[in-house]
Amino acid sequence: MIATVLSDGRLRLQGRTWRCALGRGGVSPHKEEGDGATPLGLLPLRRVLYRADRGAAPACAVPVEPIAPNDGWCDDPASPAYNTMIRLPHEARHEELWRGDHVYDVIGVLGWNDRPVVRGRGSAIFLHLARPDYPPTEGCIALDGRELRDVLAMGVTGFEVVAA
């Protein structure tokens, strides 16, 4: 089941609509590393990661696995590990998945620039928890925590990002 994400910050699925945060760079058909844009197009939900110390595994239609304090994601286009999950410490530029805030308590890994990986085309496009007041993301799709779990439990397997 594919959810529709509108460029004006709404997610639609099975006749329901939720508010979501999108990239600070808007939405773009030409995503590049560091532009802050959410890519237009189909983003399959590859798997879901979660912090087991902060909640139960979410119900969903894709594989689910807990993260650990040494998990990260490489966002360095010069690295052979670009746009993949890594173990920390890591020599290349990366983000830590085990964060002090709650943004990555549940992370849907979205299929963007991963089959195959093209250096510089963008990395780490996730479905994750929104911050209060829904400020823009770095290119990800973010929902309220309860709503994110509801969407996952509805059996979503991908997100189609479209112009509103």
N, C-alpha and C. Protein backbone atom coordinates (compact mmCIF):
# COMPACT_ATOMS: atom_id res chain seq x y z
N MET A 1 0.84 -1.17 0.00
CA MET A 1 0.00 0.00 0.00
C MET A 1 0.90 1.24 0.00
N ILE A 2 0.61 2.16 -0.89
CA ILE A 2 1.42 3.36 -1.06
C ILE A 2 0.67 4.57 -0.50
N ALA A 3 1.34 5.34 0.36
CA ALA A 3 0.79 6.60 0.88
C ALA A 3 1.22 7.72 -0.06
N THR A 4 0.37 8.72 -0.19
CA THR A 4 0.69 9.90 -1.00
C THR A 4 1.14 11.02 -0.08
N VAL A 5 2.27 11.61 -0.41
CA VAL A 5 2.80 12.74 0.35
C VAL A 5 2.74 13.95 -0.58
N LEU A 6 1.96 14.94 -0.19
CA LEU A 6 1.81 16.16 -0.98
C LEU A 6 2.87 17.17 -0.59
N SER A 7 3.37 17.91 -1.56
CA SER A 7 4.45 18.87 -1.33
C SER A 7 4.08 19.99 -0.37
N ASP A 8 2.80 20.12 -0.02
CA ASP A 8 2.38 21.14 0.95
C ASP A 8 2.38 20.60 2.38
N GLY A 9 2.93 19.39 2.60
CA GLY A 9 3.07 18.88 3.95
C GLY A 9 1.88 18.08 4.45
N ARG A 10 1.23 17.36 3.56
CA ARG A 10 0.14 16.46 3.97
C ARG A 10 0.43 15.06 3.45
N LEU A 11 0.11 14.07 4.28
CA LEU A 11 0.25 12.68 3.89
C LEU A 11 -1.15 12.07 3.85
N ARG A 12 -1.47 11.38 2.76
CA ARG A 12 -2.79 10.78 2.59
C ARG A 12 -2.66 9.27 2.43
N LEU A 13 -3.56 8.56 3.13
CA LEU A 13 -3.58 7.11 3.05
C LEU A 13 -4.98 6.63 3.44
N GLN A 14 -5.59 5.84 2.61
CA GLN A 14 -6.90 5.24 2.86
C GLN A 14 -7.94 6.26 3.34
N GLY A 15 -8.01 7.39 2.64
CA GLY A 15 -9.01 8.39 2.96
C GLY A 15 -8.71 9.26 4.17
N ARG A 16 -7.57 9.04 4.81
CA ARG A 16 -7.17 9.86 5.96
C ARG A 16 -6.04 10.79 5.56
N THR A 17 -5.92 11.91 6.25
CA THR A 17 -4.87 12.89 5.98
C THR A 17 -4.17 13.27 7.28
N TRP A 18 -2.84 13.30 7.24
CA TRP A 18 -2.03 13.71 8.38
C TRP A 18 -1.10 14.84 7.95
N ARG A 19 -0.77 15.70 8.90
CA ARG A 19 0.24 16.72 8.67
C ARG A 19 1.62 16.06 8.74
N CYS A 20 2.53 16.49 7.87
CA CYS A 20 3.91 15.99 7.93
C CYS A 20 4.87 17.13 7.62
N ALA A 21 6.09 16.96 8.07
CA ALA A 21 7.15 17.90 7.75
C ALA A 21 7.97 17.32 6.59
N LEU A 22 8.40 18.20 5.71
CA LEU A 22 9.23 17.80 4.56
C LEU A 22 10.52 18.61 4.59
N GLY A 23 11.36 18.41 3.61
CA GLY A 23 12.67 19.04 3.57
C GLY A 23 12.66 20.55 3.51
N ARG A 24 13.67 21.15 4.12
CA ARG A 24 13.82 22.61 4.14
C ARG A 24 14.03 23.15 2.72
N GLY A 25 14.46 22.30 1.81
CA GLY A 25 14.66 22.68 0.41
C GLY A 25 13.45 22.40 -0.46
N GLY A 26 12.30 22.12 0.17
CA GLY A 26 11.09 21.80 -0.59
C GLY A 26 11.16 20.39 -1.14
N VAL A 27 10.45 20.16 -2.22
CA VAL A 27 10.51 18.86 -2.89
C VAL A 27 11.17 19.08 -4.25
N SER A 28 11.90 18.07 -4.71
CA SER A 28 12.67 18.25 -5.94
C SER A 28 12.75 16.96 -6.74
N PRO A 29 12.62 17.08 -8.06
CA PRO A 29 12.85 15.90 -8.91
C PRO A 29 14.34 15.64 -9.13
N HIS A 30 15.20 16.58 -8.68
CA HIS A 30 16.65 16.48 -8.90
C HIS A 30 17.39 16.56 -7.58
N LYS A 31 17.12 15.65 -6.68
CA LYS A 31 17.73 15.61 -5.35
C LYS A 31 19.24 15.50 -5.43
N GLU A 32 19.93 16.29 -4.57
CA GLU A 32 21.39 16.25 -4.45
C GLU A 32 21.76 16.27 -2.98
N GLU A 33 22.89 15.68 -2.66
CA GLU A 33 23.36 15.64 -1.27
C GLU A 33 23.47 17.06 -0.72
N GLY A 34 22.87 17.28 0.45
CA GLY A 34 22.99 18.55 1.15
C GLY A 34 22.01 19.62 0.73
N ASP A 35 21.14 19.36 -0.26
CA ASP A 35 20.21 20.41 -0.70
C ASP A 35 18.99 20.55 0.21
N GLY A 36 18.80 19.62 1.14
CA GLY A 36 17.68 19.71 2.07
C GLY A 36 16.34 19.39 1.46
N ALA A 37 16.31 18.91 0.24
CA ALA A 37 15.05 18.64 -0.46
C ALA A 37 14.57 17.21 -0.20
N THR A 38 13.26 17.06 -0.21
CA THR A 38 12.63 15.75 -0.21
C THR A 38 12.46 15.36 -1.68
N PRO A 39 12.92 14.18 -2.06
CA PRO A 39 12.81 13.81 -3.48
C PRO A 39 11.38 13.52 -3.92
N LEU A 40 11.01 14.04 -5.10
CA LEU A 40 9.73 13.69 -5.71
C LEU A 40 9.82 12.27 -6.23
N GLY A 41 8.70 11.56 -6.19
CA GLY A 41 8.67 10.22 -6.74
C GLY A 41 8.35 9.17 -5.71
N LEU A 42 8.49 7.93 -6.11
CA LEU A 42 8.17 6.79 -5.26
C LEU A 42 9.35 6.45 -4.37
N LEU A 43 9.09 6.40 -3.07
CA LEU A 43 10.11 6.04 -2.08
C LEU A 43 9.63 4.79 -1.36
N PRO A 44 10.09 3.61 -1.78
CA PRO A 44 9.65 2.38 -1.11
C PRO A 44 10.15 2.35 0.34
N LEU A 45 9.35 1.79 1.22
CA LEU A 45 9.75 1.60 2.61
C LEU A 45 10.54 0.30 2.67
N ARG A 46 11.85 0.40 2.87
CA ARG A 46 12.73 -0.78 2.84
C ARG A 46 12.66 -1.57 4.14
N ARG A 47 12.73 -0.85 5.28
CA ARG A 47 12.68 -1.48 6.61
C ARG A 47 12.44 -0.39 7.63
N VAL A 48 12.17 -0.81 8.87
CA VAL A 48 11.94 0.14 9.95
C VAL A 48 12.92 -0.18 11.08
N LEU A 49 13.57 0.86 11.57
CA LEU A 49 14.48 0.77 12.70
C LEU A 49 13.82 1.46 13.89
N TYR A 50 14.17 1.03 15.10
CA TYR A 50 13.56 1.68 16.26
C TYR A 50 14.46 1.56 17.48
N ARG A 51 14.23 2.44 18.45
CA ARG A 51 14.94 2.41 19.73
C ARG A 51 14.13 1.55 20.69
N ALA A 52 14.58 0.35 20.96
CA ALA A 52 13.86 -0.57 21.85
C ALA A 52 13.80 -0.06 23.28
N ASP A 53 14.74 0.80 23.67
CA ASP A 53 14.71 1.37 25.02
C ASP A 53 13.67 2.48 25.17
N ARG A 54 13.06 2.90 24.06
CA ARG A 54 12.08 3.97 24.09
C ARG A 54 10.70 3.56 23.60
N GLY A 55 10.51 2.29 23.31
CA GLY A 55 9.19 1.85 22.87
C GLY A 55 9.25 0.50 22.19
N ALA A 56 8.08 -0.07 22.03
CA ALA A 56 7.95 -1.37 21.39
C ALA A 56 8.20 -1.25 19.89
N ALA A 57 8.52 -2.38 19.30
CA ALA A 57 8.67 -2.42 17.84
C ALA A 57 7.36 -2.03 17.19
N PRO A 58 7.40 -1.15 16.18
CA PRO A 58 6.16 -0.78 15.51
C PRO A 58 5.62 -1.93 14.66
N ALA A 59 4.32 -2.02 14.57
CA ALA A 59 3.67 -2.96 13.66
C ALA A 59 3.79 -2.39 12.26
N CYS A 60 4.24 -3.21 11.31
CA CYS A 60 4.34 -2.73 9.94
C CYS A 60 4.51 -3.90 8.98
N ALA A 61 4.49 -3.60 7.70
CA ALA A 61 4.53 -4.62 6.65
C ALA A 61 5.93 -4.92 6.13
N VAL A 62 6.94 -4.30 6.72
CA VAL A 62 8.32 -4.50 6.28
C VAL A 62 9.16 -4.98 7.46
N PRO A 63 10.37 -5.46 7.22
CA PRO A 63 11.21 -5.90 8.33
C PRO A 63 11.47 -4.79 9.34
N VAL A 64 11.53 -5.17 10.61
CA VAL A 64 11.76 -4.24 11.72
C VAL A 64 12.96 -4.73 12.51
N GLU A 65 13.84 -3.78 12.89
CA GLU A 65 14.98 -4.16 13.71
C GLU A 65 15.36 -3.04 14.65
N PRO A 66 15.84 -3.39 15.86
CA PRO A 66 16.25 -2.35 16.81
C PRO A 66 17.60 -1.77 16.40
N ILE A 67 17.82 -0.51 16.79
CA ILE A 67 19.12 0.10 16.59
C ILE A 67 19.89 0.07 17.91
N ALA A 68 21.19 0.31 17.81
CA ALA A 68 22.08 0.32 18.96
C ALA A 68 22.85 1.64 18.99
N PRO A 69 23.48 1.94 20.13
CA PRO A 69 24.21 3.21 20.24
C PRO A 69 25.32 3.40 19.20
N ASN A 70 25.81 2.33 18.62
CA ASN A 70 26.89 2.48 17.64
C ASN A 70 26.40 2.41 16.19
N ASP A 71 25.11 2.63 15.97
CA ASP A 71 24.57 2.64 14.60
C ASP A 71 24.59 4.05 14.02
N GLY A 72 24.93 4.13 12.76
CA GLY A 72 24.96 5.41 12.06
C GLY A 72 24.58 5.22 10.60
N TRP A 73 24.57 6.33 9.86
CA TRP A 73 24.28 6.30 8.43
C TRP A 73 25.29 7.20 7.74
N CYS A 74 26.00 6.67 6.75
CA CYS A 74 27.03 7.42 6.04
C CYS A 74 26.40 8.36 5.02
N ASP A 75 26.74 9.66 5.13
CA ASP A 75 26.23 10.64 4.16
C ASP A 75 27.38 11.35 3.44
N ASP A 76 28.52 10.68 3.37
CA ASP A 76 29.72 11.23 2.74
C ASP A 76 29.86 10.64 1.33
N PRO A 77 29.59 11.45 0.28
CA PRO A 77 29.66 10.91 -1.08
C PRO A 77 31.03 10.35 -1.47
N ALA A 78 32.09 10.73 -0.77
CA ALA A 78 33.42 10.24 -1.08
C ALA A 78 33.69 8.85 -0.48
N SER A 79 32.80 8.41 0.39
CA SER A 79 33.02 7.13 1.08
C SER A 79 32.41 5.96 0.32
N PRO A 80 33.08 4.81 0.33
CA PRO A 80 32.48 3.60 -0.26
C PRO A 80 31.19 3.18 0.47
N ALA A 81 31.00 3.65 1.70
CA ALA A 81 29.81 3.31 2.49
C ALA A 81 28.67 4.31 2.30
N TYR A 82 28.81 5.24 1.35
CA TYR A 82 27.81 6.28 1.12
C TYR A 82 26.40 5.71 1.03
N ASN A 83 25.49 6.33 1.75
CA ASN A 83 24.07 6.01 1.80
C ASN A 83 23.80 4.57 2.27
N THR A 84 24.57 4.16 3.27
CA THR A 84 24.32 2.87 3.91
C THR A 84 24.43 3.01 5.42
N MET A 85 23.82 2.06 6.12
CA MET A 85 23.94 1.99 7.56
C MET A 85 25.35 1.52 7.90
N ILE A 86 25.93 2.14 8.92
CA ILE A 86 27.31 1.84 9.33
C ILE A 86 27.37 1.63 10.83
N ARG A 87 28.50 1.13 11.29
CA ARG A 87 28.79 1.01 12.72
C ARG A 87 29.77 2.12 13.09
N LEU A 88 29.54 2.73 14.23
CA LEU A 88 30.38 3.80 14.73
C LEU A 88 31.40 3.24 15.72
N PRO A 89 32.56 3.84 15.82
CA PRO A 89 33.02 5.02 15.08
C PRO A 89 33.27 4.70 13.61
N HIS A 90 33.17 5.75 12.79
CA HIS A 90 33.38 5.60 11.36
C HIS A 90 34.14 6.82 10.87
N GLU A 91 35.08 6.59 9.97
CA GLU A 91 35.96 7.68 9.52
C GLU A 91 35.28 8.68 8.60
N ALA A 92 34.25 8.29 7.88
CA ALA A 92 33.59 9.20 6.94
C ALA A 92 32.49 9.99 7.65
N ARG A 93 32.06 11.08 7.00
CA ARG A 93 30.96 11.89 7.54
C ARG A 93 29.72 11.01 7.65
N HIS A 94 28.97 11.20 8.74
CA HIS A 94 27.81 10.34 9.01
C HIS A 94 26.85 11.02 9.98
N GLU A 95 25.68 10.42 10.12
CA GLU A 95 24.78 10.81 11.20
C GLU A 95 24.67 9.66 12.18
N GLU A 96 24.49 10.02 13.44
CA GLU A 96 24.25 9.02 14.47
C GLU A 96 22.76 8.72 14.50
N LEU A 97 22.40 7.45 14.49
CA LEU A 97 20.99 7.08 14.56
C LEU A 97 20.47 7.05 15.99
N TRP A 98 21.34 6.81 16.94
CA TRP A 98 20.98 6.77 18.36
C TRP A 98 21.12 8.19 18.88
N ARG A 99 20.02 8.95 18.84
CA ARG A 99 20.06 10.38 19.16
C ARG A 99 19.53 10.66 20.56
N GLY A 100 19.93 11.82 21.10
CA GLY A 100 19.45 12.26 22.40
C GLY A 100 18.01 12.71 22.36
N ASP A 101 17.58 13.28 21.22
CA ASP A 101 16.17 13.66 21.09
C ASP A 101 15.37 12.43 20.66
N HIS A 102 14.12 12.60 20.34
CA HIS A 102 13.27 11.46 20.00
C HIS A 102 13.01 11.31 18.49
N VAL A 103 13.63 12.14 17.69
CA VAL A 103 13.36 12.18 16.25
C VAL A 103 13.57 10.81 15.58
N TYR A 104 14.59 10.07 16.01
CA TYR A 104 14.88 8.77 15.40
C TYR A 104 14.47 7.60 16.30
N ASP A 105 13.49 7.79 17.16
CA ASP A 105 13.00 6.66 17.96
C ASP A 105 12.38 5.59 17.05
N VAL A 106 11.78 6.02 15.95
CA VAL A 106 11.28 5.13 14.89
C VAL A 106 11.75 5.72 13.57
N ILE A 107 12.42 4.90 12.76
CA ILE A 107 12.98 5.36 11.49
C ILE A 107 12.55 4.42 10.38
N GLY A 108 11.79 4.93 9.44
CA GLY A 108 11.50 4.18 8.23
C GLY A 108 12.58 4.48 7.20
N VAL A 109 13.33 3.48 6.79
CA VAL A 109 14.38 3.67 5.80
C VAL A 109 13.71 3.66 4.43
N LEU A 110 13.74 4.80 3.76
CA LEU A 110 13.08 4.94 2.46
C LEU A 110 14.07 4.67 1.33
N GLY A 111 13.58 4.01 0.32
CA GLY A 111 14.42 3.65 -0.82
C GLY A 111 14.67 4.85 -1.71
N TRP A 112 15.76 5.52 -1.45
CA TRP A 112 16.18 6.63 -2.29
C TRP A 112 17.67 6.47 -2.55
N ASN A 113 18.05 6.49 -3.80
CA ASN A 113 19.44 6.42 -4.20
C ASN A 113 20.14 5.21 -3.57
N ASP A 114 19.46 4.07 -3.59
CA ASP A 114 20.05 2.90 -2.95
C ASP A 114 20.18 1.68 -3.86
N ARG A 115 19.60 1.71 -5.04
CA ARG A 115 19.65 0.54 -5.94
C ARG A 115 19.77 0.98 -7.39
N PRO A 116 20.92 1.42 -7.82
CA PRO A 116 22.22 1.50 -7.16
C PRO A 116 22.43 2.85 -6.49
N VAL A 117 23.45 2.93 -5.65
CA VAL A 117 23.84 4.19 -5.02
C VAL A 117 24.62 5.02 -6.03
N VAL A 118 24.22 6.28 -6.20
CA VAL A 118 24.93 7.21 -7.07
C VAL A 118 25.49 8.32 -6.18
N ARG A 119 26.79 8.46 -6.17
CA ARG A 119 27.44 9.44 -5.29
C ARG A 119 26.91 10.85 -5.54
N GLY A 120 26.53 11.51 -4.44
CA GLY A 120 26.07 12.88 -4.51
C GLY A 120 24.59 13.06 -4.78
N ARG A 121 23.87 11.97 -5.03
CA ARG A 121 22.45 12.08 -5.38
C ARG A 121 21.53 12.17 -4.15
N GLY A 122 22.09 12.08 -2.96
CA GLY A 122 21.31 12.21 -1.74
C GLY A 122 21.31 10.93 -0.93
N SER A 123 21.28 11.12 0.39
CA SER A 123 21.34 9.97 1.29
C SER A 123 20.43 10.17 2.48
N ALA A 124 20.19 9.07 3.18
CA ALA A 124 19.47 9.09 4.45
C ALA A 124 18.10 9.78 4.34
N ILE A 125 17.30 9.34 3.40
CA ILE A 125 15.93 9.84 3.32
C ILE A 125 15.09 8.89 4.16
N PHE A 126 14.64 9.40 5.30
CA PHE A 126 13.93 8.59 6.28
C PHE A 126 12.50 9.09 6.49
N LEU A 127 11.69 8.21 7.03
CA LEU A 127 10.40 8.56 7.64
C LEU A 127 10.70 8.55 9.12
N HIS A 128 10.49 9.66 9.81
CA HIS A 128 10.82 9.71 11.24
C HIS A 128 9.86 10.61 11.99
N LEU A 129 10.08 10.75 13.28
CA LEU A 129 9.20 11.56 14.12
C LEU A 129 9.46 13.04 13.91
N ALA A 130 8.37 13.80 13.85
CA ALA A 130 8.47 15.25 13.67
C ALA A 130 8.82 15.92 15.00
N ARG A 131 9.52 17.02 14.89
CA ARG A 131 9.76 17.87 16.06
C ARG A 131 8.48 18.67 16.33
N PRO A 132 8.35 19.21 17.54
CA PRO A 132 7.18 20.06 17.82
C PRO A 132 7.06 21.18 16.79
N ASP A 133 5.86 21.47 16.38
CA ASP A 133 5.55 22.52 15.40
C ASP A 133 5.99 22.19 13.98
N TYR A 134 6.46 20.96 13.72
CA TYR A 134 6.77 20.47 12.38
C TYR A 134 7.74 21.36 11.58
N PRO A 135 8.89 21.70 12.14
CA PRO A 135 9.86 22.45 11.32
C PRO A 135 10.37 21.57 10.19
N PRO A 136 10.92 22.17 9.14
CA PRO A 136 11.42 21.37 8.01
C PRO A 136 12.51 20.39 8.44
N THR A 137 12.62 19.32 7.69
CA THR A 137 13.65 18.30 7.89
C THR A 137 14.83 18.58 6.96
N GLU A 138 15.79 17.69 6.96
CA GLU A 138 16.92 17.79 6.03
C GLU A 138 16.62 17.11 4.70
N GLY A 139 15.36 16.70 4.50
CA GLY A 139 14.94 16.02 3.27
C GLY A 139 14.04 14.84 3.54
N CYS A 140 13.86 14.53 4.80
CA CYS A 140 13.04 13.38 5.21
C CYS A 140 11.56 13.76 5.28
N ILE A 141 10.74 12.76 5.57
CA ILE A 141 9.31 12.92 5.83
C ILE A 141 9.12 12.65 7.31
N ALA A 142 8.49 13.57 8.04
CA ALA A 142 8.34 13.43 9.49
C ALA A 142 6.89 13.58 9.91
N LEU A 143 6.47 12.69 10.79
CA LEU A 143 5.10 12.67 11.32
C LEU A 143 5.13 12.67 12.84
N ASP A 144 4.02 13.05 13.45
CA ASP A 144 3.82 12.88 14.88
C ASP A 144 4.05 11.40 15.23
N GLY A 145 4.58 11.12 16.41
CA GLY A 145 4.92 9.76 16.80
C GLY A 145 3.78 8.77 16.73
N ARG A 146 2.64 9.12 17.30
CA ARG A 146 1.49 8.21 17.27
C ARG A 146 0.99 8.02 15.85
N GLU A 147 0.98 9.11 15.08
CA GLU A 147 0.52 9.03 13.69
C GLU A 147 1.47 8.22 12.83
N LEU A 148 2.77 8.34 13.09
CA LEU A 148 3.75 7.54 12.34
C LEU A 148 3.49 6.06 12.59
N ARG A 149 3.27 5.68 13.83
CA ARG A 149 2.98 4.28 14.15
C ARG A 149 1.67 3.84 13.53
N ASP A 150 0.66 4.72 13.50
CA ASP A 150 -0.63 4.38 12.86
C ASP A 150 -0.44 4.12 11.37
N VAL A 151 0.31 4.99 10.69
CA VAL A 151 0.55 4.83 9.25
C VAL A 151 1.28 3.51 8.98
N LEU A 152 2.30 3.22 9.77
CA LEU A 152 3.02 1.97 9.59
C LEU A 152 2.11 0.76 9.81
N ALA A 153 1.26 0.83 10.83
CA ALA A 153 0.36 -0.28 11.14
C ALA A 153 -0.69 -0.50 10.06
N MET A 154 -0.92 0.50 9.22
CA MET A 154 -1.89 0.37 8.12
C MET A 154 -1.31 -0.44 6.95
N GLY A 155 -0.07 -0.86 7.06
CA GLY A 155 0.52 -1.71 6.03
C GLY A 155 1.18 -0.97 4.89
N VAL A 156 1.56 0.29 5.13
CA VAL A 156 2.19 1.07 4.07
C VAL A 156 3.53 0.42 3.67
N THR A 157 3.80 0.40 2.38
CA THR A 157 5.04 -0.17 1.86
C THR A 157 5.83 0.85 1.04
N GLY A 158 5.31 2.06 0.93
CA GLY A 158 6.01 3.10 0.20
C GLY A 158 5.27 4.42 0.26
N PHE A 159 5.96 5.46 -0.20
CA PHE A 159 5.44 6.83 -0.19
C PHE A 159 5.68 7.46 -1.54
N GLU A 160 4.63 7.99 -2.13
CA GLU A 160 4.73 8.69 -3.41
C GLU A 160 4.69 10.18 -3.10
N VAL A 161 5.81 10.87 -3.29
CA VAL A 161 5.90 12.30 -3.03
C VAL A 161 5.53 13.02 -4.33
N VAL A 162 4.49 13.85 -4.26
CA VAL A 162 3.96 14.53 -5.44
C VAL A 162 3.80 16.02 -5.17
N ALA A 163 3.73 16.81 -6.23
CA ALA A 163 3.46 18.25 -6.11
C ALA A 163 2.00 18.43 -5.74
N ALA A 164 1.75 19.34 -4.82
CA ALA A 164 0.36 19.60 -4.35
C ALA A 164 -0.43 20.33 -5.41
